[in-house]
Amino acid sequence: MELRDYQIENANTLSEIIKCFNIAVFCAEMRTGKTLTALQTAKILNKKYEESLKDYELFEAVQKLWTAEHSGDKPKQFSYTLTHKKIFKN
């Protein structure tokens, strides 16, 4: 079943609201496709969740690789000394 333009627009708006507030209430007239709009909203949010999950998995993989490559490294220690000089003007 193909969604109408206003249903797609409503689904996009609802997904943005849910991302901001974690909840949304969708009230519309009878026979306007509320169920289809809600299903499309869930589909949009699930896709964004899956993309975020893939990004996190990529981050974890890079972190593990970096840790494996640098496992023998020791932190470099630097010591700094500050000196204060008094300047006298005549």
C-alpha atoms as a PDB file:
ATOM      1  CA  MET A   1       0.000   0.000   0.000  1.00  0.00           C
ATOM      2  CA  GLU A   2       1.323   3.427  -0.949  1.00  0.00           C
ATOM      3  CA  LEU A   3       1.138   6.299   1.506  1.00  0.00           C
ATOM      4  CA  ARG A   4      -0.215   9.687   0.545  1.00  0.00           C
ATOM      5  CA  ASP A   5       1.991  12.771   0.713  1.00  0.00           C
ATOM      6  CA  TYR A   6       0.381  14.106   3.894  1.00  0.00           C
ATOM      7  CA  GLN A   7       0.843  10.716   5.596  1.00  0.00           C
ATOM      8  CA  ILE A   8       4.565  10.710   4.778  1.00  0.00           C
ATOM      9  CA  GLU A   9       4.863  14.301   5.994  1.00  0.00           C
ATOM     10  CA  ASN A  10       3.044  13.432   9.226  1.00  0.00           C
ATOM     11  CA  ALA A  11       5.269  10.378   9.751  1.00  0.00           C
ATOM     12  CA  ASN A  12       8.401  12.494   9.327  1.00  0.00           C
ATOM     13  CA  THR A  13       7.070  15.117  11.742  1.00  0.00           C
ATOM     14  CA  LEU A  14       6.089  12.480  14.289  1.00  0.00           C
ATOM     15  CA  SER A  15       9.508  10.834  14.104  1.00  0.00           C
ATOM     16  CA  GLU A  16      11.197  14.194  14.792  1.00  0.00           C
ATOM     17  CA  ILE A  17       8.891  14.838  17.752  1.00  0.00           C
ATOM     18  CA  ILE A  18       9.552  11.373  19.163  1.00  0.00           C
ATOM     19  CA  LYS A  19      13.308  11.887  18.799  1.00  0.00           C
ATOM     20  CA  CYS A  20      13.043  15.102  20.842  1.00  0.00           C
ATOM     21  CA  PHE A  21      10.504  14.114  23.505  1.00  0.00           C
ATOM     22  CA  ASN A  22      10.421  10.280  23.346  1.00  0.00           C
ATOM     23  CA  ILE A  23       6.627  10.411  22.936  1.00  0.00           C
ATOM     24  CA  ALA A  24       4.006  11.813  20.584  1.00  0.00           C
ATOM     25  CA  VAL A  25       0.216  11.872  20.389  1.00  0.00           C
ATOM     26  CA  PHE A  26      -1.221  11.760  16.882  1.00  0.00           C
ATOM     27  CA  CYS A  27      -4.848  12.848  16.588  1.00  0.00           C
ATOM     28  CA  ALA A  28      -6.487  12.969  13.177  1.00  0.00           C
ATOM     29  CA  GLU A  29      -9.875  12.538  11.539  1.00  0.00           C
ATOM     30  CA  MET A  30     -11.311   9.098  10.892  1.00  0.00           C
ATOM     31  CA  ARG A  31     -10.217   7.408   7.644  1.00  0.00           C
ATOM     32  CA  THR A  32      -7.048   9.541   7.266  1.00  0.00           C
ATOM     33  CA  GLY A  33      -4.634   6.642   7.657  1.00  0.00           C
ATOM     34  CA  LYS A  34      -3.488   7.042  11.267  1.00  0.00           C
ATOM     35  CA  THR A  35      -2.439   3.394  11.476  1.00  0.00           C
ATOM     36  CA  LEU A  36      -0.394   3.567   8.275  1.00  0.00           C
ATOM     37  CA  THR A  37       1.166   6.841   9.438  1.00  0.00           C
ATOM     38  CA  ALA A  38       2.094   5.250  12.778  1.00  0.00           C
ATOM     39  CA  LEU A  39       3.619   2.241  11.017  1.00  0.00           C
ATOM     40  CA  GLN A  40       5.636   4.519   8.723  1.00  0.00           C
ATOM     41  CA  THR A  41       6.825   6.486  11.769  1.00  0.00           C
ATOM     42  CA  ALA A  42       7.993   3.267  13.420  1.00  0.00           C
ATOM     43  CA  LYS A  43       9.769   2.286  10.222  1.00  0.00           C
ATOM     44  CA  ILE A  44      11.598   5.658  10.086  1.00  0.00           C
ATOM     45  CA  LEU A  45      12.630   5.450  13.746  1.00  0.00           C
ATOM     46  CA  ASN A  46      13.786   1.842  13.405  1.00  0.00           C
ATOM     47  CA  LYS A  47      15.944   2.754  10.388  1.00  0.00           C
ATOM     48  CA  LYS A  48      17.588   5.584  12.325  1.00  0.00           C
ATOM     49  CA  TYR A  49      18.120   3.235  15.283  1.00  0.00           C
ATOM     50  CA  GLU A  50      19.762   0.652  13.040  1.00  0.00           C
ATOM     51  CA  GLU A  51      22.041   3.329  11.532  1.00  0.00           C
ATOM     52  CA  SER A  52      23.041   4.492  15.012  1.00  0.00           C
ATOM     53  CA  LEU A  53      23.713   0.907  16.037  1.00  0.00           C
ATOM     54  CA  LYS A  54      25.954   0.406  12.998  1.00  0.00           C
ATOM     55  CA  ASP A  55      27.854   3.607  13.856  1.00  0.00           C
ATOM     56  CA  TYR A  56      28.366   2.374  17.419  1.00  0.00           C
ATOM     57  CA  GLU A  57      29.541  -1.036  16.226  1.00  0.00           C
ATOM     58  CA  LEU A  58      32.029   0.677  13.894  1.00  0.00           C
ATOM     59  CA  PHE A  59      33.285   2.813  16.783  1.00  0.00           C
ATOM     60  CA  GLU A  60      33.772  -0.290  18.959  1.00  0.00           C
ATOM     61  CA  ALA A  61      35.673  -2.063  16.177  1.00  0.00           C
ATOM     62  CA  VAL A  62      38.014   0.896  15.681  1.00  0.00           C
ATOM     63  CA  GLN A  63      38.535   1.166  19.436  1.00  0.00           C
ATOM     64  CA  LYS A  64      39.432  -2.540  19.699  1.00  0.00           C
ATOM     65  CA  LEU A  65      41.817  -2.268  16.754  1.00  0.00           C
ATOM     66  CA  TRP A  66      43.535   0.795  18.223  1.00  0.00           C
ATOM     67  CA  THR A  67      43.831  -0.901  21.625  1.00  0.00           C
ATOM     68  CA  ALA A  68      45.346  -4.020  20.043  1.00  0.00           C
ATOM     69  CA  GLU A  69      47.870  -1.987  18.045  1.00  0.00           C
ATOM     70  CA  HIS A  70      48.878   0.177  21.029  1.00  0.00           C
ATOM     71  CA  SER A  71      48.682  -2.400  23.824  1.00  0.00           C
ATOM     72  CA  GLY A  72      52.410  -2.118  24.638  1.00  0.00           C
ATOM     73  CA  ASP A  73      52.510   1.667  24.603  1.00  0.00           C
ATOM     74  CA  LYS A  74      53.137   3.515  27.815  1.00  0.00           C
ATOM     75  CA  PRO A  75      51.974   7.031  28.496  1.00  0.00           C
ATOM     76  CA  LYS A  76      54.548   9.707  27.860  1.00  0.00           C
ATOM     77  CA  GLN A  77      55.378  11.747  30.877  1.00  0.00           C
ATOM     78  CA  PHE A  78      56.268  15.354  30.572  1.00  0.00           C
ATOM     79  CA  SER A  79      57.249  17.644  33.358  1.00  0.00           C
ATOM     80  CA  TYR A  80      56.971  21.359  33.075  1.00  0.00           C
ATOM     81  CA  THR A  81      58.609  23.958  35.244  1.00  0.00           C
ATOM     82  CA  LEU A  82      57.324  27.452  35.436  1.00  0.00           C
ATOM     83  CA  THR A  83      59.581  30.230  36.534  1.00  0.00           C
ATOM     84  CA  HIS A  84      58.404  33.618  37.595  1.00  0.00           C
ATOM     85  CA  LYS A  85      60.668  36.598  37.283  1.00  0.00           C
ATOM     86  CA  LYS A  86      60.035  39.923  38.851  1.00  0.00           C
ATOM     87  CA  ILE A  87      60.510  42.785  36.495  1.00  0.00           C
ATOM     88  CA  PHE A  88      61.457  46.091  38.095  1.00  0.00           C
ATOM     89  CA  LYS A  89      61.203  49.322  36.227  1.00  0.00           C
ATOM     90  CA  ASN A  90      63.215  52.324  37.331  1.00  0.00           C
END
